Every structure is written in structure tokens, then in C-alpha cells.
Amino acid sequence: MSINEILQNAYALPLEERKELTKLLTKNIEDPMLSMDPYFYERREQLHQIKDDIRSGKMEMHDEDEFENEMDEFEKELILKYGN
């Protein structure tokens, strides 16, 4: 069972069992506020996957200038399309 599945099913547990599960799952988290975020683990897994994809070349990493140019072009397209 994945962490996400555990967290999704955790709401059906009694309060004391949820607290104990939260302690187990968050024992390596330095920020106590993260332990209150039920989607922290899901987002962390997604971030790690993105980083792995960038390293392997599956996902392209854009530099700041390229990003700015693409956003400028996109903004021009929106202005032409919607007339603002």
C-alpha cells in the first residue's frame, strides 16, 4: 500500500489511530506543519519524479531567458485572441 493510499484511508480510522499513523509517517519531517498536510507526500513524490525526468532528459529544463520569451509570445497570442 502506498503512502497516498494509507493517507486516503486514514480518515476512516479512529482519532487516536490517526494520530499514531501521522507520527509514524512524519517522523523524518522537520517542519511540524507539514505533518498536518495530507497531500504533502503526494506532492513530494511528484516533485521527485519531475526532478528524475529532468535528469534523465525526459523533461526539458528551460533557462530564464527562454521562459521569458515563451511567456511574452504566449501573452501576445492571448491579446490577439481575446483583444485585451
C-alpha atoms as a PDB file:
ATOM      1  CA  MET A   1       0.000   0.000   0.000  1.00  0.00           C
ATOM      2  CA  SER A   2       1.400   3.414  -0.943  1.00  0.00           C
ATOM      3  CA  ILE A   3       1.605   6.352   1.430  1.00  0.00           C
ATOM      4  CA  ASN A   4      -1.133   8.080  -0.553  1.00  0.00           C
ATOM      5  CA  GLU A   5      -3.460   5.113  -0.114  1.00  0.00           C
ATOM      6  CA  ILE A   6      -2.672   4.994   3.588  1.00  0.00           C
ATOM      7  CA  LEU A   7      -3.453   8.684   3.961  1.00  0.00           C
ATOM      8  CA  GLN A   8      -6.681   8.407   1.977  1.00  0.00           C
ATOM      9  CA  ASN A   9      -7.833   5.523   4.174  1.00  0.00           C
ATOM     10  CA  ALA A  10      -6.617   7.164   7.381  1.00  0.00           C
ATOM     11  CA  TYR A  11      -9.718   9.310   7.719  1.00  0.00           C
ATOM     12  CA  ALA A  12     -11.755   6.172   8.400  1.00  0.00           C
ATOM     13  CA  LEU A  13      -9.570   5.363  11.423  1.00  0.00           C
ATOM     14  CA  PRO A  14     -10.383   6.444  14.960  1.00  0.00           C
ATOM     15  CA  LEU A  15      -8.692   9.662  16.039  1.00  0.00           C
ATOM     16  CA  GLU A  16      -6.029   8.042  18.243  1.00  0.00           C
ATOM     17  CA  GLU A  17      -5.001   5.650  15.454  1.00  0.00           C
ATOM     18  CA  ARG A  18      -4.804   8.574  13.001  1.00  0.00           C
ATOM     19  CA  LYS A  19      -2.531  10.452  15.401  1.00  0.00           C
ATOM     20  CA  GLU A  20      -0.263   7.416  15.749  1.00  0.00           C
ATOM     21  CA  LEU A  21      -0.182   6.940  11.975  1.00  0.00           C
ATOM     22  CA  THR A  22       0.672  10.608  11.488  1.00  0.00           C
ATOM     23  CA  LYS A  23       3.562  10.271  13.946  1.00  0.00           C
ATOM     24  CA  LEU A  24       4.907   7.244  12.078  1.00  0.00           C
ATOM     25  CA  LEU A  25       4.605   8.826   8.647  1.00  0.00           C
ATOM     26  CA  THR A  26       6.045  12.184   9.633  1.00  0.00           C
ATOM     27  CA  LYS A  27       8.883  11.162  11.930  1.00  0.00           C
ATOM     28  CA  ASN A  28      11.504  12.372   9.415  1.00  0.00           C
ATOM     29  CA  ILE A  29       9.798  15.689   8.672  1.00  0.00           C
ATOM     30  CA  GLU A  30      11.456  18.655  10.322  1.00  0.00           C
ATOM     31  CA  ASP A  31       8.545  21.096   9.880  1.00  0.00           C
ATOM     32  CA  PRO A  32       5.636  20.052  12.134  1.00  0.00           C
ATOM     33  CA  MET A  33       3.148  21.934   9.933  1.00  0.00           C
ATOM     34  CA  LEU A  34       3.859  19.511   7.078  1.00  0.00           C
ATOM     35  CA  SER A  35       2.537  16.675   9.187  1.00  0.00           C
ATOM     36  CA  MET A  36      -0.871  18.358   9.030  1.00  0.00           C
ATOM     37  CA  ASP A  37      -0.873  18.427   5.203  1.00  0.00           C
ATOM     38  CA  PRO A  38      -2.477  15.222   3.851  1.00  0.00           C
ATOM     39  CA  TYR A  39      -1.148  15.879   0.338  1.00  0.00           C
ATOM     40  CA  PHE A  40       2.488  16.519   1.325  1.00  0.00           C
ATOM     41  CA  TYR A  41       3.663  13.015   0.384  1.00  0.00           C
ATOM     42  CA  GLU A  42       1.838  13.062  -2.949  1.00  0.00           C
ATOM     43  CA  ARG A  43       3.388  16.398  -3.925  1.00  0.00           C
ATOM     44  CA  ARG A  44       6.812  15.246  -2.720  1.00  0.00           C
ATOM     45  CA  GLU A  45       6.581  12.131  -4.926  1.00  0.00           C
ATOM     46  CA  GLN A  46       5.552  14.283  -7.909  1.00  0.00           C
ATOM     47  CA  LEU A  47       8.460  16.659  -7.311  1.00  0.00           C
ATOM     48  CA  HIS A  48      10.933  13.800  -7.127  1.00  0.00           C
ATOM     49  CA  GLN A  49       9.516  12.386 -10.366  1.00  0.00           C
ATOM     50  CA  ILE A  50       9.904  15.759 -12.100  1.00  0.00           C
ATOM     51  CA  LYS A  51      13.500  16.025 -10.887  1.00  0.00           C
ATOM     52  CA  ASP A  52      14.219  12.483 -12.127  1.00  0.00           C
ATOM     53  CA  ASP A  53      12.632  13.281 -15.513  1.00  0.00           C
ATOM     54  CA  ILE A  54      14.775  16.409 -15.872  1.00  0.00           C
ATOM     55  CA  ARG A  55      17.937  14.498 -15.002  1.00  0.00           C
ATOM     56  CA  SER A  56      17.116  11.672 -17.424  1.00  0.00           C
ATOM     57  CA  GLY A  57      16.206  14.072 -20.240  1.00  0.00           C
ATOM     58  CA  LYS A  58      12.514  13.120 -20.422  1.00  0.00           C
ATOM     59  CA  MET A  59      11.586  16.671 -19.419  1.00  0.00           C
ATOM     60  CA  GLU A  60      13.369  19.732 -20.735  1.00  0.00           C
ATOM     61  CA  MET A  61      14.592  22.376 -18.324  1.00  0.00           C
ATOM     62  CA  HIS A  62      14.256  25.909 -19.725  1.00  0.00           C
ATOM     63  CA  ASP A  63      16.537  28.764 -18.788  1.00  0.00           C
ATOM     64  CA  GLU A  64      15.084  32.039 -17.569  1.00  0.00           C
ATOM     65  CA  ASP A  65      15.518  33.939 -20.865  1.00  0.00           C
ATOM     66  CA  GLU A  66      13.853  31.179 -22.873  1.00  0.00           C
ATOM     67  CA  PHE A  67      10.979  31.057 -20.392  1.00  0.00           C
ATOM     68  CA  GLU A  68      10.500  34.845 -20.557  1.00  0.00           C
ATOM     69  CA  ASN A  69      10.488  34.788 -24.374  1.00  0.00           C
ATOM     70  CA  GLU A  70       7.924  31.977 -24.478  1.00  0.00           C
ATOM     71  CA  MET A  71       5.702  33.763 -21.960  1.00  0.00           C
ATOM     72  CA  ASP A  72       5.932  37.012 -23.959  1.00  0.00           C
ATOM     73  CA  GLU A  73       4.849  35.140 -27.101  1.00  0.00           C
ATOM     74  CA  PHE A  74       2.020  33.469 -25.206  1.00  0.00           C
ATOM     75  CA  GLU A  75       0.843  36.827 -23.860  1.00  0.00           C
ATOM     76  CA  LYS A  76       0.828  38.286 -27.395  1.00  0.00           C
ATOM     77  CA  GLU A  77      -1.251  35.333 -28.596  1.00  0.00           C
ATOM     78  CA  LEU A  78      -3.760  35.888 -25.789  1.00  0.00           C
ATOM     79  CA  ILE A  79      -4.017  39.589 -26.599  1.00  0.00           C
ATOM     80  CA  LEU A  80      -4.625  38.832 -30.268  1.00  0.00           C
ATOM     81  CA  LYS A  81      -7.180  36.154 -29.440  1.00  0.00           C
ATOM     82  CA  TYR A  82      -9.111  37.966 -26.719  1.00  0.00           C
ATOM     83  CA  GLY A  83      -8.366  41.610 -27.536  1.00  0.00           C
ATOM     84  CA  ASN A  84      -7.239  42.877 -24.154  1.00  0.00           C
END
